[in-house]
Amino acid sequence: MARVNANYRKLRAGYLFPEIRRRTTAFLADHPGARVMRLGIGDTTEPLTPTVVAGLRRAVDALADPATYTGYGAEQGEVPLREALAARYAGHGASIELDEIFISDGAKPDSANIQSIFDAASVVAVQDPAYPVYVDSAVIGGRTGAGTDAGYEGMVYMPCTEENGFFPALPEGKVDLIYLCSPNNPTGAVATKEQLATFVEYARKTGAVIIFDAAYAAYISDPDLPRTIFEVDGAKECALEINSFSKEAGFTGVRLGWTVVPKALTCEDAEPGELNRLWFRRQTTMFNEASNIVQQGGLAALSEQGRKECRGLVAYYMANAKTIKDGLDAIGIKTFGGVNAPYIWMKTPNDMSSWDFFDKLLNETHVVGTPGSGFGPNGEGYFRLSAFGHADDIRVAVDSIQQNLNL
């Protein structure tokens, strides 16, 4: 007799973003014709750049000709794409070999799937607040107990608060897997090299593995802040890194990312090289390479002209972030982030709960944001606004907040 994976039943309420869509849809049903401005989900809005589009078109044209048609490609991803990514890491002072790079269909699935190469009893530590996939995938994988108002039993939450600059202290006691995200989603905080070094030292001493999410690294403008954890000495022995084309090249719907699993990476019961081999085995068993069309788009994005165009996209969204941050600051709302990251993290006014403020913001200003509590217990009392949107819409949204939000 078939039985369900009971771990799914532990998941509390609906996934954060579907719940946002549900409430927004209900609002629109009650207010036909209302214009809702969406600063909630971090979905890019600007078109793909000309160089990327040209790369995608070349790939499509090649598939239409028997002489240039290709089927299955290299299992870890096309070699020229991995070479371009290795060159990018070299530009940050990190030496990464081609067989340490695994091309995928995005950072989100890799962030969840990577847990499968580790023991089911692994203790998982997450920054709190954190991107929900880290926690929810651990729940589904049976690495936690039941959910409570304080979080899931067995999950180690590392508080990120205003007092610690939204970067956590080291976990108390021993943990096995540590999720770090910088620039951070949702808080917009960016870790310094010194802060990352404390976690690298901890992981090397304890045999833990850091799962480092660098999906927003392209938004860092401060030259003193690290773009990759591999800028930290010793990180290749204790960390893997996940990244994406989604937010720097507009590939949220195109889907392309990569994970770096260094051959030097070890854990409590694995020698150097084994975790790299296990991830290769997992990917070749359950994944069949990213689309050959999309990979050519990624290669185009990494070309000299492609990088220039992508920097223009990033600058566009960061200008939006400044518009939001300046607009909120002007009416006395306390904000964080929005400088080296495309998210603004704000304190809810008058100690309102995150979901109450969501409803208030939607009803009074017709602006959709993301409740901080959806990112974890320490997100309560905060709210995330996204800079991903058309600049004109962002300005209208900020004007509406300034004029209509009853503080």
Protein backbone atom coordinates (compact mmCIF):
# COMPACT_ATOMS: atom_id res chain seq x y z
CA MET A 1 0.00 0.00 0.00
CA ALA A 2 1.38 3.40 -0.98
CA ARG A 3 1.90 5.94 1.78
CA VAL A 4 2.69 9.64 1.59
CA ASN A 5 5.89 11.25 2.81
CA ALA A 6 4.54 12.43 6.16
CA ASN A 7 7.21 15.11 6.37
CA TYR A 8 5.16 17.20 3.95
CA ARG A 9 2.46 17.34 6.61
CA LYS A 10 4.88 19.13 8.92
CA LEU A 11 5.09 22.13 6.60
CA ARG A 12 3.26 24.98 8.25
CA ALA A 13 0.47 26.70 6.31
CA GLY A 14 1.12 27.41 2.65
CA TYR A 15 4.44 28.23 1.11
CA LEU A 16 5.10 31.95 1.63
CA PHE A 17 4.74 33.20 -1.93
CA PRO A 18 1.58 31.26 -2.84
CA GLU A 19 -0.02 32.73 0.29
CA ILE A 20 0.91 36.21 -0.90
CA ARG A 21 -0.71 35.45 -4.26
CA ARG A 22 -3.81 34.11 -2.53
CA ARG A 23 -4.31 37.24 -0.44
CA THR A 24 -3.61 39.50 -3.40
CA THR A 25 -6.11 37.63 -5.57
CA ALA A 26 -8.74 37.92 -2.86
CA PHE A 27 -8.11 41.67 -2.59
CA LEU A 28 -8.52 42.12 -6.35
CA ALA A 29 -11.73 40.13 -6.31
CA ASP A 30 -13.11 42.53 -3.68
CA HIS A 31 -11.72 45.60 -5.46
CA PRO A 32 -12.26 45.12 -9.20
CA GLY A 33 -10.22 47.54 -11.26
CA ALA A 34 -7.75 48.36 -8.48
CA ARG A 35 -4.14 48.69 -9.56
CA VAL A 36 -1.91 46.55 -7.39
CA MET A 37 1.82 47.28 -7.38
CA ARG A 38 3.86 44.17 -6.62
CA LEU A 39 7.03 44.65 -4.62
CA GLY A 40 6.76 41.23 -3.06
CA ILE A 41 8.23 38.29 -4.96
CA GLY A 42 11.78 38.87 -6.20
CA ASP A 43 10.95 38.32 -9.87
CA THR A 44 12.84 40.26 -12.52
CA THR A 45 10.83 42.42 -14.91
CA GLU A 46 13.20 43.92 -17.48
CA PRO A 47 13.75 42.19 -20.84
CA LEU A 48 16.74 40.00 -21.60
CA THR A 49 19.64 42.01 -22.98
CA PRO A 50 20.47 42.01 -26.72
CA THR A 51 23.62 39.91 -26.34
CA VAL A 52 21.79 37.24 -24.35
CA VAL A 53 18.91 37.15 -26.83
CA ALA A 54 21.37 36.79 -29.70
CA GLY A 55 23.02 33.86 -27.91
CA LEU A 56 19.69 32.14 -27.36
CA ARG A 57 18.73 32.67 -31.00
CA ARG A 58 21.99 31.21 -32.25
CA ALA A 59 21.36 28.14 -30.15
CA VAL A 60 17.82 27.74 -31.50
CA ASP A 61 19.03 28.18 -35.08
CA ALA A 62 21.70 25.55 -34.51
CA LEU A 63 19.05 23.05 -33.43
CA ALA A 64 17.13 23.68 -36.65
CA ASP A 65 20.03 22.52 -38.85
CA PRO A 66 21.03 18.82 -39.10
CA ALA A 67 24.66 19.87 -39.39
CA THR A 68 24.68 21.70 -36.06
CA TYR A 69 21.94 19.91 -34.13
CA THR A 70 22.95 18.63 -30.69
CA GLY A 71 21.20 16.35 -28.21
CA TYR A 72 22.58 15.43 -24.81
CA GLY A 73 25.54 17.56 -23.81
CA ALA A 74 28.24 17.41 -21.17
CA GLU A 75 26.74 16.07 -17.94
CA GLN A 76 28.10 18.87 -15.74
CA GLY A 77 27.29 21.55 -18.27
CA GLU A 78 28.85 22.79 -21.49
CA VAL A 79 32.62 23.19 -21.18
CA PRO A 80 32.79 26.78 -22.55
CA LEU A 81 30.21 27.88 -19.98
CA ARG A 82 32.13 26.28 -17.13
CA GLU A 83 35.35 27.81 -18.44
CA ALA A 84 33.73 31.24 -18.39
CA LEU A 85 32.54 30.70 -14.82
CA ALA A 86 35.98 29.50 -13.73
CA ALA A 87 37.44 32.68 -15.22
CA ARG A 88 34.90 34.70 -13.25
CA TYR A 89 36.02 33.07 -10.00
CA ALA A 90 39.64 33.66 -10.94
CA GLY A 91 38.78 37.35 -11.19
CA HIS A 92 37.77 37.18 -7.53
CA GLY A 93 41.02 35.46 -6.58
CA ALA A 94 39.50 31.97 -6.35
CA SER A 95 40.88 29.04 -8.34
CA ILE A 96 38.03 26.72 -9.35
CA GLU A 97 38.51 23.70 -11.61
CA LEU A 98 36.04 22.82 -14.37
CA ASP A 99 34.99 19.54 -12.77
CA GLU A 100 34.08 21.42 -9.59
CA ILE A 101 31.37 23.40 -11.44
CA PHE A 102 27.94 21.86 -12.00
CA ILE A 103 25.49 23.70 -14.27
CA SER A 104 21.84 23.42 -13.23
CA ASP A 105 18.39 24.90 -13.80
CA GLY A 106 18.73 27.36 -10.95
CA ALA A 107 19.92 28.08 -7.44
CA LYS A 108 16.64 27.23 -5.73
CA PRO A 109 16.52 23.53 -6.70
CA ASP A 110 20.22 23.11 -5.96
CA SER A 111 19.73 24.70 -2.52
CA ALA A 112 17.21 21.99 -1.70
CA ASN A 113 18.69 19.04 -3.58
CA ILE A 114 22.18 19.42 -2.15
CA GLN A 115 20.93 18.03 1.18
CA SER A 116 20.44 14.63 -0.46
CA ILE A 117 24.17 13.88 -0.46
CA PHE A 118 24.32 14.28 3.33
CA ASP A 119 23.08 11.97 6.06
CA ALA A 120 19.36 12.22 6.83
CA ALA A 121 20.19 12.84 10.50
CA SER A 122 22.26 15.94 9.69
CA VAL A 123 21.54 18.91 11.94
CA VAL A 124 20.78 21.94 9.76
CA ALA A 125 21.51 25.52 10.82
CA VAL A 126 20.01 28.48 8.98
CA GLN A 127 20.24 32.22 9.23
CA ASP A 128 16.97 33.46 10.66
CA PRO A 129 15.27 35.05 8.81
CA ALA A 130 16.14 32.94 5.76
CA TYR A 131 14.93 32.13 2.27
CA PRO A 132 12.20 29.51 2.92
CA VAL A 133 13.58 26.75 0.66
CA TYR A 134 16.45 26.05 3.08
CA VAL A 135 14.10 25.25 5.92
CA ASP A 136 11.27 23.63 3.96
CA SER A 137 13.59 21.24 2.12
CA ALA A 138 15.09 20.16 5.44
CA VAL A 139 11.59 19.50 6.75
CA ILE A 140 10.63 17.46 3.69
CA GLY A 141 13.87 15.51 3.99
CA GLY A 142 13.00 14.46 7.55
CA ARG A 143 15.71 16.54 9.22
CA THR A 144 13.37 18.33 11.62
CA GLY A 145 10.58 17.64 14.03
CA ALA A 146 7.22 19.34 14.19
CA GLY A 147 6.72 23.01 13.49
CA THR A 148 5.95 25.47 16.29
CA ASP A 149 5.63 29.24 16.55
CA ALA A 150 9.34 29.26 17.38
CA GLY A 151 10.26 27.25 14.29
CA TYR A 152 10.82 23.58 13.60
CA GLU A 153 12.10 21.28 16.29
CA GLY A 154 15.62 20.08 15.55
CA MET A 155 16.41 23.02 13.25
CA VAL A 156 19.10 25.38 14.55
CA TYR A 157 18.07 29.00 13.96
CA MET A 158 20.88 31.56 13.95
CA PRO A 159 19.21 34.88 14.77
CA CYS A 160 19.92 37.80 12.44
CA THR A 161 18.79 40.92 14.22
CA GLU A 162 19.21 44.67 14.07
CA GLU A 163 21.59 44.37 17.03
CA ASN A 164 24.02 42.05 15.19
CA GLY A 165 23.72 43.79 11.84
CA PHE A 166 21.64 40.89 10.50
CA PHE A 167 24.64 38.55 10.44
CA PRO A 168 24.48 35.69 12.92
CA ALA A 169 26.78 34.50 15.64
CA LEU A 170 28.22 31.01 15.33
CA PRO A 171 25.76 28.25 16.25
CA GLU A 172 25.95 26.96 19.78
CA GLY A 173 27.04 23.36 19.88
CA LYS A 174 27.70 21.18 16.87
CA VAL A 175 25.74 21.39 13.62
CA ASP A 176 26.34 19.63 10.32
CA LEU A 177 25.00 21.81 7.51
CA ILE A 178 25.06 25.62 7.66
CA TYR A 179 23.10 27.76 5.20
CA LEU A 180 24.54 31.22 4.66
CA CYS A 181 23.24 33.71 2.07
CA SER A 182 25.11 36.88 1.11
CA PRO A 183 23.86 39.31 -0.05
CA ASN A 184 21.10 38.07 2.14
CA ASN A 185 17.55 37.40 1.11
CA PRO A 186 15.50 38.84 2.81
CA THR A 187 17.49 41.31 4.93
CA GLY A 188 19.76 42.77 2.26
CA ALA A 189 22.76 42.44 4.59
CA VAL A 190 26.14 41.53 3.08
CA ALA A 191 28.73 39.55 5.01
CA THR A 192 32.26 40.85 5.31
CA LYS A 193 35.25 38.63 4.62
CA GLU A 194 36.01 38.62 8.34
CA GLN A 195 32.49 37.47 9.21
CA LEU A 196 32.63 34.63 6.70
CA ALA A 197 36.06 33.64 7.99
CA THR A 198 34.60 32.93 11.45
CA PHE A 199 32.20 30.41 9.92
CA VAL A 200 34.93 28.86 7.78
CA GLU A 201 37.06 28.38 10.88
CA TYR A 202 34.10 26.85 12.77
CA ALA A 203 33.24 24.47 9.92
CA ARG A 204 36.82 23.30 9.48
CA LYS A 205 37.12 22.57 13.20
CA THR A 206 33.82 20.68 13.49
CA GLY A 207 33.52 18.91 10.13
CA ALA A 208 30.44 20.95 9.19
CA VAL A 209 29.69 22.01 5.61
CA ILE A 210 28.66 25.54 4.66
CA ILE A 211 26.08 25.81 1.88
CA PHE A 212 26.71 29.33 0.61
CA ASP A 213 24.02 31.00 -1.48
CA ALA A 214 25.59 33.76 -3.59
CA ALA A 215 22.68 34.32 -5.97
CA TYR A 216 22.80 38.10 -5.44
CA ALA A 217 26.58 38.54 -5.56
CA ALA A 218 26.36 40.68 -8.71
CA TYR A 219 24.58 43.37 -6.66
CA ILE A 220 27.59 44.04 -4.45
CA SER A 221 29.16 47.37 -5.38
CA ASP A 222 31.44 47.78 -2.36
CA PRO A 223 34.89 46.50 -3.45
CA ASP A 224 35.75 45.49 0.11
CA LEU A 225 32.90 42.95 0.32
CA PRO A 226 33.44 39.36 -0.92
CA ARG A 227 31.53 38.14 -3.98
CA THR A 228 32.21 34.48 -3.19
CA ILE A 229 33.00 32.55 -0.04
CA PHE A 230 36.04 31.18 -1.84
CA GLU A 231 37.73 34.51 -1.28
CA VAL A 232 38.19 33.26 2.30
CA ASP A 233 41.24 31.09 2.95
CA GLY A 234 40.30 27.49 3.67
CA ALA A 235 36.73 27.79 2.37
CA LYS A 236 37.22 25.15 -0.32
CA GLU A 237 37.75 22.59 2.45
CA CYS A 238 34.42 23.28 4.17
CA ALA A 239 32.06 25.12 1.81
CA LEU A 240 30.18 24.71 -1.44
CA GLU A 241 28.62 27.60 -3.30
CA ILE A 242 25.36 27.99 -5.21
CA ASN A 243 24.73 30.78 -7.69
CA SER A 244 22.34 31.78 -10.45
CA PHE A 245 21.85 33.79 -13.63
CA SER A 246 18.32 34.69 -12.50
CA LYS A 247 18.88 38.02 -10.82
CA GLU A 248 21.88 39.38 -12.71
CA ALA A 249 20.84 38.36 -16.25
CA GLY A 250 17.06 38.20 -15.88
CA PHE A 251 16.88 34.40 -16.10
CA THR A 252 14.13 33.91 -13.50
CA GLY A 253 11.94 32.25 -16.14
CA VAL A 254 14.76 31.09 -18.40
CA ARG A 255 16.30 29.01 -15.56
CA LEU A 256 20.06 28.58 -15.27
CA GLY A 257 22.38 28.33 -12.29
CA TRP A 258 25.41 26.49 -11.02
CA THR A 259 26.91 24.93 -7.93
CA VAL A 260 30.59 24.72 -7.06
CA VAL A 261 31.55 21.62 -5.07
CA PRO A 262 35.32 21.78 -4.51
CA LYS A 263 37.23 18.52 -4.58
CA ALA A 264 38.97 19.68 -1.41
CA LEU A 265 35.59 19.78 0.39
CA THR A 266 35.31 17.30 3.24
CA CYS A 267 32.92 16.53 6.05
CA GLU A 268 32.98 14.40 9.18
CA ASP A 269 33.10 11.06 7.34
CA ALA A 270 34.17 12.02 3.80
CA GLU A 271 37.64 12.40 2.37
CA PRO A 272 38.48 15.10 -0.17
CA GLY A 273 36.80 14.39 -3.50
CA GLU A 274 33.94 12.24 -2.23
CA LEU A 275 31.33 15.00 -1.88
CA ASN A 276 32.20 16.21 -5.38
CA ARG A 277 31.69 12.67 -6.69
CA LEU A 278 28.43 12.23 -4.78
CA TRP A 279 26.97 15.45 -6.21
CA PHE A 280 28.05 14.34 -9.68
CA ARG A 281 26.29 11.01 -9.05
CA ARG A 282 23.15 12.74 -7.80
CA GLN A 283 22.99 15.12 -10.73
CA THR A 284 23.61 12.49 -13.39
CA THR A 285 20.99 10.24 -11.79
CA MET A 286 18.19 12.76 -11.22
CA PHE A 287 19.03 15.64 -13.56
CA ASN A 288 19.89 15.66 -17.23
CA GLU A 289 21.80 18.88 -17.82
CA ALA A 290 20.34 22.34 -18.28
CA SER A 291 18.82 23.17 -21.66
CA ASN A 292 21.48 23.50 -24.35
CA ILE A 293 19.66 26.62 -25.58
CA VAL A 294 19.70 28.26 -22.17
CA GLN A 295 23.37 27.46 -21.62
CA GLN A 296 24.25 29.42 -24.73
CA GLY A 297 22.32 32.34 -23.29
CA GLY A 298 24.35 32.02 -20.11
CA LEU A 299 27.59 31.93 -22.08
CA ALA A 300 26.52 35.10 -23.90
CA ALA A 301 25.78 36.77 -20.54
CA LEU A 302 29.35 36.04 -19.46
CA SER A 303 30.90 37.53 -22.59
CA GLU A 304 32.48 40.97 -22.31
CA GLN A 305 29.48 42.70 -23.87
CA GLY A 306 27.07 40.45 -21.99
CA ARG A 307 28.64 41.37 -18.66
CA LYS A 308 28.39 45.04 -19.52
CA GLU A 309 24.69 44.70 -20.31
CA CYS A 310 24.05 42.67 -17.16
CA ARG A 311 25.74 45.36 -15.08
CA GLY A 312 23.25 47.76 -16.63
CA LEU A 313 20.36 45.55 -15.48
CA VAL A 314 21.77 45.39 -11.97
CA ALA A 315 22.22 49.18 -11.90
CA TYR A 316 18.60 49.60 -13.00
CA TYR A 317 17.27 47.50 -10.12
CA MET A 318 19.62 49.13 -7.63
CA ALA A 319 18.28 52.54 -8.68
CA ASN A 320 14.84 51.16 -7.83
CA ALA A 321 16.16 50.05 -4.45
CA LYS A 322 17.37 53.58 -3.75
CA THR A 323 13.96 54.97 -4.72
CA ILE A 324 12.23 52.65 -2.25
CA LYS A 325 14.72 53.12 0.56
CA ASP A 326 14.80 56.91 0.25
CA GLY A 327 10.99 57.04 0.05
CA LEU A 328 10.50 54.98 3.20
CA ASP A 329 13.22 56.82 5.11
CA ALA A 330 11.49 60.11 4.24
CA ILE A 331 8.33 59.11 6.13
CA GLY A 332 10.18 57.76 9.15
CA ILE A 333 10.14 54.03 8.42
CA LYS A 334 13.36 52.33 9.49
CA THR A 335 15.02 50.46 6.64
CA PHE A 336 17.98 48.15 6.11
CA GLY A 337 19.62 46.69 3.00
CA GLY A 338 19.01 48.18 -0.42
CA VAL A 339 22.64 49.26 -0.89
CA ASN A 340 24.53 46.14 -1.98
CA ALA A 341 21.39 44.07 -2.43
CA PRO A 342 18.04 44.50 -4.26
CA TYR A 343 15.92 44.03 -1.13
CA ILE A 344 14.81 46.58 1.43
CA TRP A 345 14.17 45.16 4.90
CA MET A 346 11.98 47.45 6.99
CA LYS A 347 10.61 47.47 10.52
CA THR A 348 6.84 47.35 10.60
CA PRO A 349 5.41 50.53 12.13
CA ASN A 350 3.84 50.55 15.58
CA ASP A 351 5.00 46.99 16.35
CA MET A 352 2.49 45.51 13.90
CA SER A 353 2.79 41.83 13.01
CA SER A 354 4.20 41.14 9.57
CA TRP A 355 0.98 39.74 8.10
CA ASP A 356 -1.14 42.52 9.63
CA PHE A 357 1.15 45.03 7.96
CA PHE A 358 0.86 43.10 4.68
CA ASP A 359 -2.90 43.53 4.78
CA LYS A 360 -2.63 47.17 5.84
CA LEU A 361 -0.17 48.02 3.07
CA LEU A 362 -2.28 46.25 0.46
CA ASN A 363 -5.57 47.80 1.54
CA GLU A 364 -4.32 51.35 2.10
CA THR A 365 -1.71 51.71 -0.65
CA HIS A 366 -2.39 48.77 -3.03
CA VAL A 367 1.26 47.72 -2.67
CA VAL A 368 2.24 44.08 -2.16
CA GLY A 369 5.31 43.20 -0.11
CA THR A 370 6.55 40.14 1.76
CA PRO A 371 5.88 39.58 5.48
CA GLY A 372 9.09 39.04 7.40
CA SER A 373 7.60 36.24 9.50
CA GLY A 374 7.42 34.14 6.35
CA PHE A 375 11.21 33.95 6.44
CA GLY A 376 11.44 32.63 9.99
CA PRO A 377 10.77 33.49 13.65
CA ASN A 378 13.19 36.43 13.72
CA GLY A 379 11.51 37.94 10.68
CA GLU A 380 8.44 38.83 12.71
CA GLY A 381 8.02 42.56 12.97
CA TYR A 382 9.82 43.16 9.70
CA PHE A 383 8.80 43.36 6.05
CA ARG A 384 10.62 42.92 2.73
CA LEU A 385 10.18 45.07 -0.35
CA SER A 386 11.74 44.06 -3.65
CA ALA A 387 13.45 46.40 -6.11
CA PHE A 388 12.62 44.10 -9.02
CA GLY A 389 10.07 46.04 -11.05
CA HIS A 390 9.66 48.69 -13.71
CA ALA A 391 11.06 51.99 -12.48
CA ASP A 392 7.83 53.88 -13.20
CA ASP A 393 5.84 51.33 -11.20
CA ILE A 394 8.31 51.55 -8.33
CA ARG A 395 7.90 55.32 -8.20
CA VAL A 396 4.11 55.03 -8.24
CA ALA A 397 4.25 52.46 -5.44
CA VAL A 398 6.49 54.62 -3.28
CA ASP A 399 4.31 57.67 -3.89
CA SER A 400 1.26 55.66 -2.86
CA ILE A 401 2.95 54.52 0.34
CA GLN A 402 3.97 58.08 1.18
CA GLN A 403 0.52 59.51 0.49
CA ASN A 404 -1.81 56.75 1.68
CA LEU A 405 -0.15 54.71 4.41
CA ASN A 406 -1.70 55.68 7.71
CA LEU A 407 1.15 55.70 10.21
